[in-house]
PDB file of N, CA and C in Angstrom:
ATOM      1  N   MET A   1      82.012 101.288  89.783  1.00  0.00           N
ATOM      2  CA  MET A   1      82.453 102.689  89.838  1.00  0.00           C
ATOM      3  C   MET A   1      81.295 103.577  89.381  1.00  0.00           C
ATOM      4  N   SER A   2      81.020 104.604  90.144  1.00  0.00           N
ATOM      5  CA  SER A   2      79.923 105.513  89.813  1.00  0.00           C
ATOM      6  C   SER A   2      80.280 106.369  88.589  1.00  0.00           C
ATOM      7  N   THR A   3      79.250 106.908  87.964  1.00  0.00           N
ATOM      8  CA  THR A   3      79.456 107.781  86.793  1.00  0.00           C
ATOM      9  C   THR A   3      80.317 108.972  87.171  1.00  0.00           C
ATOM     10  N   GLU A   4      80.019 109.590  88.333  1.00  0.00           N
ATOM     11  CA  GLU A   4      80.789 110.757  88.760  1.00  0.00           C
ATOM     12  C   GLU A   4      82.260 110.415  88.923  1.00  0.00           C
ATOM     13  N   ARG A   5      82.519 109.266  89.506  1.00  0.00           N
ATOM     14  CA  ARG A   5      83.904 108.854  89.725  1.00  0.00           C
ATOM     15  C   ARG A   5      84.607 108.612  88.390  1.00  0.00           C
ATOM     16  N   ARG A   6      83.888 108.020  87.430  1.00  0.00           N
ATOM     17  CA  ARG A   6      84.455 107.787  86.105  1.00  0.00           C
ATOM     18  C   ARG A   6      84.791 109.114  85.437  1.00  0.00           C
ATOM     19  N   ILE A   7      83.878 110.079  85.520  1.00  0.00           N
ATOM     20  CA  ILE A   7      84.108 111.408  84.939  1.00  0.00           C
ATOM     21  C   ILE A   7      85.336 112.045  85.586  1.00  0.00           C
ATOM     22  N   PHE A   8      85.421 111.953  86.917  1.00  0.00           N
ATOM     23  CA  PHE A   8      86.570 112.516  87.623  1.00  0.00           C
ATOM     24  C   PHE A   8      87.865 111.878  87.129  1.00  0.00           C
ATOM     25  N   CYS A   9      87.864 110.558  86.984  1.00  0.00           N
ATOM     26  CA  CYS A   9      89.075 109.852  86.545  1.00  0.00           C
ATOM     27  C   CYS A   9      89.500 110.301  85.153  1.00  0.00           C
ATOM     28  N   ILE A  10      88.517 110.509  84.265  1.00  0.00           N
ATOM     29  CA  ILE A  10      88.818 110.984  82.908  1.00  0.00           C
ATOM     30  C   ILE A  10      89.429 112.379  82.964  1.00  0.00           C
ATOM     31  N   ILE A  11      88.807 113.276  83.735  1.00  0.00           N
ATOM     32  CA  ILE A  11      89.319 114.646  83.873  1.00  0.00           C
ATOM     33  C   ILE A  11      90.734 114.615  84.438  1.00  0.00           C
ATOM     34  N   HIS A  12      90.922 113.833  85.496  1.00  0.00           N
ATOM     35  CA  HIS A  12      92.216 113.772  86.171  1.00  0.00           C
ATOM     36  C   HIS A  12      93.295 113.225  85.243  1.00  0.00           C
ATOM     37  N   THR A  13      92.967 112.169  84.488  1.00  0.00           N
ATOM     38  CA  THR A  13      93.925 111.578  83.547  1.00  0.00           C
ATOM     39  C   THR A  13      94.310 112.594  82.477  1.00  0.00           C
ATOM     40  N   ASP A  14      93.314 113.335  81.970  1.00  0.00           N
ATOM     41  CA  ASP A  14      93.582 114.371  80.967  1.00  0.00           C
ATOM     42  C   ASP A  14      94.509 115.446  81.532  1.00  0.00           C
ATOM     43  N   LEU A  15      94.265 115.861  82.765  1.00  0.00           N
ATOM     44  CA  LEU A  15      95.100 116.888  83.388  1.00  0.00           C
ATOM     45  C   LEU A  15      96.538 116.413  83.526  1.00  0.00           C
ATOM     46  N   ILE A  16      96.712 115.166  83.934  1.00  0.00           N
ATOM     47  CA  ILE A  16      98.068 114.613  84.086  1.00  0.00           C
ATOM     48  C   ILE A  16      98.763 114.585  82.722  1.00  0.00           C
ATOM     49  N   ALA A  17      98.035 114.162  81.681  1.00  0.00           N
ATOM     50  CA  ALA A  17      98.605 114.101  80.331  1.00  0.00           C
ATOM     51  C   ALA A  17      99.041 115.487  79.865  1.00  0.00           C
ATOM     52  N   VAL A  18      98.186 116.492  80.074  1.00  0.00           N
ATOM     53  CA  VAL A  18      98.510 117.868  79.692  1.00  0.00           C
ATOM     54  C   VAL A  18      99.722 118.360  80.474  1.00  0.00           C
ATOM     55  N   SER A  19      99.759 118.080  81.763  1.00  0.00           N
ATOM     56  CA  SER A  19     100.860 118.538  82.614  1.00  0.00           C
ATOM     57  C   SER A  19     102.192 117.941  82.167  1.00  0.00           C
ATOM     58  N   LYS A  20     102.175 116.678  81.737  1.00  0.00           N
ATOM     59  CA  LYS A  20     103.412 116.020  81.304  1.00  0.00           C
ATOM     60  C   LYS A  20     103.908 116.581  79.979  1.00  0.00           C
ATOM     61  N   GLN A  21     102.992 117.024  79.121  1.00  0.00           N
ATOM     62  CA  GLN A  21     103.383 117.595  77.828  1.00  0.00           C
ATOM     63  C   GLN A  21     104.038 118.957  78.010  1.00  0.00           C
ATOM     64  N   ASP A  22     103.556 119.714  78.958  1.00  0.00           N
ATOM     65  CA  ASP A  22     104.058 121.069  79.190  1.00  0.00           C
ATOM     66  C   ASP A  22     104.774 121.081  80.535  1.00  0.00           C
ATOM     67  N   LEU A  23     106.090 121.016  80.501  1.00  0.00           N
ATOM     68  CA  LEU A  23     106.867 120.902  81.732  1.00  0.00           C
ATOM     69  C   LEU A  23     107.014 122.229  82.479  1.00  0.00           C
ATOM     70  N   ARG A  24     106.658 123.324  81.801  1.00  0.00           N
ATOM     71  CA  ARG A  24     106.725 124.621  82.481  1.00  0.00           C
ATOM     72  C   ARG A  24     105.645 124.693  83.548  1.00  0.00           C
ATOM     73  N   PRO A  25     105.917 125.275  84.705  1.00  0.00           N
ATOM     74  CA  PRO A  25     104.875 125.423  85.719  1.00  0.00           C
ATOM     75  C   PRO A  25     103.726 126.240  85.133  1.00  0.00           C
ATOM     76  N   ASN A  26     102.536 125.743  85.249  1.00  0.00           N
ATOM     77  CA  ASN A  26     101.390 126.431  84.669  1.00  0.00           C
ATOM     78  C   ASN A  26     100.298 126.521  85.728  1.00  0.00           C
ATOM     79  N   ILE A  27     100.004 127.733  86.149  1.00  0.00           N
ATOM     80  CA  ILE A  27      99.028 127.961  87.216  1.00  0.00           C
ATOM     81  C   ILE A  27      97.649 127.434  86.833  1.00  0.00           C
ATOM     82  N   LEU A  28      97.312 127.473  85.546  1.00  0.00           N
ATOM     83  CA  LEU A  28      96.001 126.964  85.119  1.00  0.00           C
ATOM     84  C   LEU A  28      95.886 125.468  85.355  1.00  0.00           C
ATOM     85  N   HIS A  29      96.960 124.729  85.102  1.00  0.00           N
ATOM     86  CA  HIS A  29      96.939 123.284  85.355  1.00  0.00           C
ATOM     87  C   HIS A  29      96.738 123.024  86.845  1.00  0.00           C
ATOM     88  N   LEU A  30      97.449 123.794  87.661  1.00  0.00           N
ATOM     89  CA  LEU A  30      97.343 123.608  89.114  1.00  0.00           C
ATOM     90  C   LEU A  30      95.931 123.932  89.605  1.00  0.00           C
ATOM     91  N   LEU A  31      95.359 125.019  89.106  1.00  0.00           N
ATOM     92  CA  LEU A  31      94.004 125.403  89.500  1.00  0.00           C
ATOM     93  C   LEU A  31      92.994 124.363  89.040  1.00  0.00           C
ATOM     94  N   ALA A  32      93.157 123.871  87.815  1.00  0.00           N
ATOM     95  CA  ALA A  32      92.232 122.870  87.295  1.00  0.00           C
ATOM     96  C   ALA A  32      92.316 121.586  88.117  1.00  0.00           C
ATOM     97  N   ALA A  33      93.520 121.192  88.486  1.00  0.00           N
ATOM     98  CA  ALA A  33      93.696 119.996  89.301  1.00  0.00           C
ATOM     99  C   ALA A  33      93.051 120.187  90.672  1.00  0.00           C
ATOM    100  N   GLN A  34      93.204 121.379  91.236  1.00  0.00           N
ATOM    101  CA  GLN A  34      92.621 121.675  92.542  1.00  0.00           C
ATOM    102  C   GLN A  34      91.090 121.638  92.461  1.00  0.00           C
ATOM    103  N   CYS A  35      90.535 122.192  91.390  1.00  0.00           N
ATOM    104  CA  CYS A  35      89.079 122.170  91.198  1.00  0.00           C
ATOM    105  C   CYS A  35      88.583 120.739  91.069  1.00  0.00           C
ATOM    106  N   ALA A  36      89.308 119.918  90.314  1.00  0.00           N
ATOM    107  CA  ALA A  36      88.920 118.514  90.142  1.00  0.00           C
ATOM    108  C   ALA A  36      88.957 117.788  91.482  1.00  0.00           C
ATOM    109  N   ASN A  37      89.961 118.075  92.299  1.00  0.00           N
ATOM    110  CA  ASN A  37      90.052 117.443  93.619  1.00  0.00           C
ATOM    111  C   ASN A  37      88.888 117.853  94.513  1.00  0.00           C
ATOM    112  N   LEU A  38      88.527 119.129  94.481  1.00  0.00           N
ATOM    113  CA  LEU A  38      87.402 119.614  95.282  1.00  0.00           C
ATOM    114  C   LEU A  38      86.094 118.994  94.807  1.00  0.00           C
ATOM    115  N   LEU A  39      85.931 118.890  93.481  1.00  0.00           N
ATOM    116  CA  LEU A  39      84.740 118.264  92.899  1.00  0.00           C
ATOM    117  C   LEU A  39      84.651 116.819  93.367  1.00  0.00           C
ATOM    118  N   TYR A  40      85.775 116.117  93.326  1.00  0.00           N
ATOM    119  CA  TYR A  40      85.817 114.717  93.724  1.00  0.00           C
ATOM    120  C   TYR A  40      85.467 114.564  95.205  1.00  0.00           C
ATOM    121  N   LYS A  41      86.010 115.423  96.052  1.00  0.00           N
ATOM    122  CA  LYS A  41      85.699 115.374  97.485  1.00  0.00           C
ATOM    123  C   LYS A  41      84.211 115.599  97.716  1.00  0.00           C
ATOM    124  N   GLY A  42      83.630 116.535  96.966  1.00  0.00           N
ATOM    125  CA  GLY A  42      82.204 116.810  97.074  1.00  0.00           C
ATOM    126  C   GLY A  42      81.376 115.602  96.681  1.00  0.00           C
ATOM    127  N   ILE A  43      81.793 114.912  95.621  1.00  0.00           N
ATOM    128  CA  ILE A  43      81.089 113.712  95.159  1.00  0.00           C
ATOM    129  C   ILE A  43      81.208 112.614  96.220  1.00  0.00           C
ATOM    130  N   GLU A  44      82.398 112.423  96.747  1.00  0.00           N
ATOM    131  CA  GLU A  44      82.639 111.391  97.759  1.00  0.00           C
ATOM    132  C   GLU A  44      81.771 111.618  99.001  1.00  0.00           C
ATOM    133  N   GLU A  45      81.575 112.882  99.367  1.00  0.00           N
ATOM    134  CA  GLU A  45      80.788 113.216 100.557  1.00  0.00           C
ATOM    135  C   GLU A  45      79.299 113.281 100.243  1.00  0.00           C
ATOM    136  N   GLY A  46      78.951 113.084  98.962  1.00  0.00           N
ATOM    137  CA  GLY A  46      77.550 113.101  98.567  1.00  0.00           C
ATOM    138  C   GLY A  46      76.965 114.487  98.469  1.00  0.00           C
ATOM    139  N   ALA A  47      77.820 115.486  98.306  1.00  0.00           N
ATOM    140  CA  ALA A  47      77.343 116.879  98.209  1.00  0.00           C
ATOM    141  C   ALA A  47      76.811 117.162  96.810  1.00  0.00           C
TER     142      ALA A  47
END
């Protein structure tokens, strides 16, 4: 597993943990998750 992928997994796991603690819909969690997904796609494509 590449370093970038490991970092992404850590970020993603943290986001899931935070989301589960706070059951209220939180736009910041959604935006952060979306940013992490875009970052991951960029890494996968070698950008």
